[in-house]
Amino acid sequence: RLNGIFIDNINRYYNIRQFAVVGRHSKNVALKKNKQDLAKTKLFQKFGIKISIIAKQGGIDPNANRDLARILKEAQLIKLPKDNIDRILKKVSDNTMDSYTS
């Protein structure tokens, strides 16, 4: 038991894969890494939503859209992958083009 919580419950909560390792240290490292990855995923998701909303409101060009330029600079600070940003902006631009043609 770990502070009154079974380790199995923690593994299920954080969706930790069971590794064939010997010793407790490796399991603790994996648990810590999974917690960090979960927090990073939530943060990236929040920024993705913010980027898509701002891009829909003011356009996908950061030179013309000040809010988008600001949020992209913040995304660089938290090390949001450029592929994610490009995918979000492409999705927004495709949706805006579809709404004009239909």
C-alpha atoms as a PDB file:
ATOM      1  CA  ARG A   1       0.000   0.000   0.000  1.00  0.00           C
ATOM      2  CA  LEU A   2       1.090   3.514  -0.750  1.00  0.00           C
ATOM      3  CA  ASN A   3      -0.484   6.131   1.540  1.00  0.00           C
ATOM      4  CA  GLY A   4      -3.683   4.121   1.847  1.00  0.00           C
ATOM      5  CA  ILE A   5      -4.082   3.659  -1.904  1.00  0.00           C
ATOM      6  CA  PHE A   6      -3.331   0.380  -3.578  1.00  0.00           C
ATOM      7  CA  ILE A   7      -0.671   0.609  -6.255  1.00  0.00           C
ATOM      8  CA  ASP A   8      -2.979  -1.227  -8.657  1.00  0.00           C
ATOM      9  CA  ASN A   9      -5.505   1.604  -8.359  1.00  0.00           C
ATOM     10  CA  ILE A  10      -2.791   4.150  -9.141  1.00  0.00           C
ATOM     11  CA  ASN A  11      -1.723   2.121 -12.151  1.00  0.00           C
ATOM     12  CA  ARG A  12      -5.289   1.995 -13.445  1.00  0.00           C
ATOM     13  CA  TYR A  13      -5.860   5.709 -12.789  1.00  0.00           C
ATOM     14  CA  TYR A  14      -2.753   6.851 -14.640  1.00  0.00           C
ATOM     15  CA  ASN A  15      -3.054   4.092 -17.274  1.00  0.00           C
ATOM     16  CA  ILE A  16       0.393   2.756 -16.528  1.00  0.00           C
ATOM     17  CA  ARG A  17       1.560  -0.242 -18.476  1.00  0.00           C
ATOM     18  CA  GLN A  18       3.062  -2.971 -16.401  1.00  0.00           C
ATOM     19  CA  PHE A  19       6.763  -3.346 -17.146  1.00  0.00           C
ATOM     20  CA  ALA A  20       8.773  -6.465 -16.534  1.00  0.00           C
ATOM     21  CA  VAL A  21      11.289  -4.793 -14.229  1.00  0.00           C
ATOM     22  CA  VAL A  22      13.019  -5.815 -11.082  1.00  0.00           C
ATOM     23  CA  GLY A  23      12.916  -3.471  -8.135  1.00  0.00           C
ATOM     24  CA  ARG A  24      10.774  -0.624  -7.008  1.00  0.00           C
ATOM     25  CA  HIS A  25      12.871   2.208  -8.429  1.00  0.00           C
ATOM     26  CA  SER A  26      11.965   1.538 -12.065  1.00  0.00           C
ATOM     27  CA  LYS A  27       8.273   1.407 -11.219  1.00  0.00           C
ATOM     28  CA  ASN A  28       8.513   4.721  -9.365  1.00  0.00           C
ATOM     29  CA  VAL A  29      10.301   6.293 -12.328  1.00  0.00           C
ATOM     30  CA  ALA A  30       7.609   5.028 -14.689  1.00  0.00           C
ATOM     31  CA  LEU A  31       4.863   6.329 -12.397  1.00  0.00           C
ATOM     32  CA  LYS A  32       6.508   9.755 -12.188  1.00  0.00           C
ATOM     33  CA  LYS A  33       6.978   9.918 -15.956  1.00  0.00           C
ATOM     34  CA  ASN A  34       3.366   8.970 -16.605  1.00  0.00           C
ATOM     35  CA  LYS A  35       2.137  11.671 -14.225  1.00  0.00           C
ATOM     36  CA  GLN A  36       4.298  14.243 -16.011  1.00  0.00           C
ATOM     37  CA  ASP A  37       3.061  13.069 -19.412  1.00  0.00           C
ATOM     38  CA  LEU A  38      -0.544  13.329 -18.238  1.00  0.00           C
ATOM     39  CA  ALA A  39      -0.009  16.918 -17.071  1.00  0.00           C
ATOM     40  CA  LYS A  40       1.763  17.805 -20.325  1.00  0.00           C
ATOM     41  CA  THR A  41      -1.066  16.300 -22.370  1.00  0.00           C
ATOM     42  CA  LYS A  42      -3.681  18.357 -20.522  1.00  0.00           C
ATOM     43  CA  LEU A  43      -1.653  21.530 -21.030  1.00  0.00           C
ATOM     44  CA  PHE A  44      -1.144  20.835 -24.742  1.00  0.00           C
ATOM     45  CA  GLN A  45      -4.868  20.178 -25.112  1.00  0.00           C
ATOM     46  CA  LYS A  46      -5.752  23.514 -23.483  1.00  0.00           C
ATOM     47  CA  PHE A  47      -3.381  25.365 -25.789  1.00  0.00           C
ATOM     48  CA  GLY A  48      -4.733  23.516 -28.823  1.00  0.00           C
ATOM     49  CA  ILE A  49      -8.254  24.620 -27.983  1.00  0.00           C
ATOM     50  CA  LYS A  50      -7.112  28.219 -27.420  1.00  0.00           C
ATOM     51  CA  ILE A  51      -5.222  28.273 -30.726  1.00  0.00           C
ATOM     52  CA  SER A  52      -8.194  26.920 -32.683  1.00  0.00           C
ATOM     53  CA  ILE A  53     -10.654  29.394 -31.124  1.00  0.00           C
ATOM     54  CA  ILE A  54      -8.400  32.386 -31.723  1.00  0.00           C
ATOM     55  CA  ALA A  55      -7.609  31.273 -35.279  1.00  0.00           C
ATOM     56  CA  LYS A  56     -11.316  30.896 -36.069  1.00  0.00           C
ATOM     57  CA  GLN A  57     -12.027  34.395 -34.766  1.00  0.00           C
ATOM     58  CA  GLY A  58      -9.189  36.319 -36.376  1.00  0.00           C
ATOM     59  CA  GLY A  59      -7.666  34.179 -39.110  1.00  0.00           C
ATOM     60  CA  ILE A  60      -4.691  31.843 -39.242  1.00  0.00           C
ATOM     61  CA  ASP A  61      -2.058  34.439 -40.158  1.00  0.00           C
ATOM     62  CA  PRO A  62      -0.079  35.399 -37.017  1.00  0.00           C
ATOM     63  CA  ASN A  63       1.070  38.641 -38.699  1.00  0.00           C
ATOM     64  CA  ALA A  64      -2.525  39.809 -39.046  1.00  0.00           C
ATOM     65  CA  ASN A  65      -3.869  38.225 -35.848  1.00  0.00           C
ATOM     66  CA  ARG A  66      -2.116  39.602 -32.755  1.00  0.00           C
ATOM     67  CA  ASP A  67      -3.849  37.245 -30.343  1.00  0.00           C
ATOM     68  CA  LEU A  68      -2.744  34.261 -32.384  1.00  0.00           C
ATOM     69  CA  ALA A  69       0.845  35.524 -32.428  1.00  0.00           C
ATOM     70  CA  ARG A  70       0.764  35.914 -28.646  1.00  0.00           C
ATOM     71  CA  ILE A  71      -0.655  32.458 -28.003  1.00  0.00           C
ATOM     72  CA  LEU A  72       1.827  30.886 -30.440  1.00  0.00           C
ATOM     73  CA  LYS A  73       4.684  32.529 -28.547  1.00  0.00           C
ATOM     74  CA  GLU A  74       3.293  31.107 -25.286  1.00  0.00           C
ATOM     75  CA  ALA A  75       2.990  27.694 -26.947  1.00  0.00           C
ATOM     76  CA  GLN A  76       6.657  27.845 -27.890  1.00  0.00           C
ATOM     77  CA  LEU A  77       7.526  28.573 -24.260  1.00  0.00           C
ATOM     78  CA  ILE A  78       5.787  25.415 -23.057  1.00  0.00           C
ATOM     79  CA  LYS A  79       7.392  23.467 -25.941  1.00  0.00           C
ATOM     80  CA  LEU A  80       4.209  22.577 -27.779  1.00  0.00           C
ATOM     81  CA  PRO A  81       5.339  20.599 -30.855  1.00  0.00           C
ATOM     82  CA  LYS A  82       5.227  22.557 -34.120  1.00  0.00           C
ATOM     83  CA  ASP A  83       3.489  19.628 -35.810  1.00  0.00           C
ATOM     84  CA  ASN A  84       0.561  20.018 -33.419  1.00  0.00           C
ATOM     85  CA  ILE A  85       0.306  23.744 -34.134  1.00  0.00           C
ATOM     86  CA  ASP A  86       0.456  23.209 -37.904  1.00  0.00           C
ATOM     87  CA  ARG A  87      -2.193  20.476 -37.717  1.00  0.00           C
ATOM     88  CA  ILE A  88      -4.535  22.705 -35.684  1.00  0.00           C
ATOM     89  CA  LEU A  89      -4.129  25.662 -38.050  1.00  0.00           C
ATOM     90  CA  LYS A  90      -4.631  23.423 -41.104  1.00  0.00           C
ATOM     91  CA  LYS A  91      -7.802  21.999 -39.594  1.00  0.00           C
ATOM     92  CA  VAL A  92      -9.125  25.490 -38.872  1.00  0.00           C
ATOM     93  CA  SER A  93      -8.307  26.733 -42.383  1.00  0.00           C
ATOM     94  CA  ASP A  94      -9.988  23.692 -43.970  1.00  0.00           C
ATOM     95  CA  ASN A  95     -13.119  24.254 -41.887  1.00  0.00           C
ATOM     96  CA  THR A  96     -13.310  27.938 -42.804  1.00  0.00           C
ATOM     97  CA  MET A  97     -12.922  27.146 -46.519  1.00  0.00           C
ATOM     98  CA  ASP A  98     -15.659  24.511 -46.318  1.00  0.00           C
ATOM     99  CA  SER A  99     -18.049  26.978 -44.710  1.00  0.00           C
ATOM    100  CA  TYR A 100     -17.507  29.485 -47.551  1.00  0.00           C
ATOM    101  CA  THR A 101     -18.049  26.945 -50.312  1.00  0.00           C
ATOM    102  CA  SER A 102     -21.200  25.377 -48.898  1.00  0.00           C
END
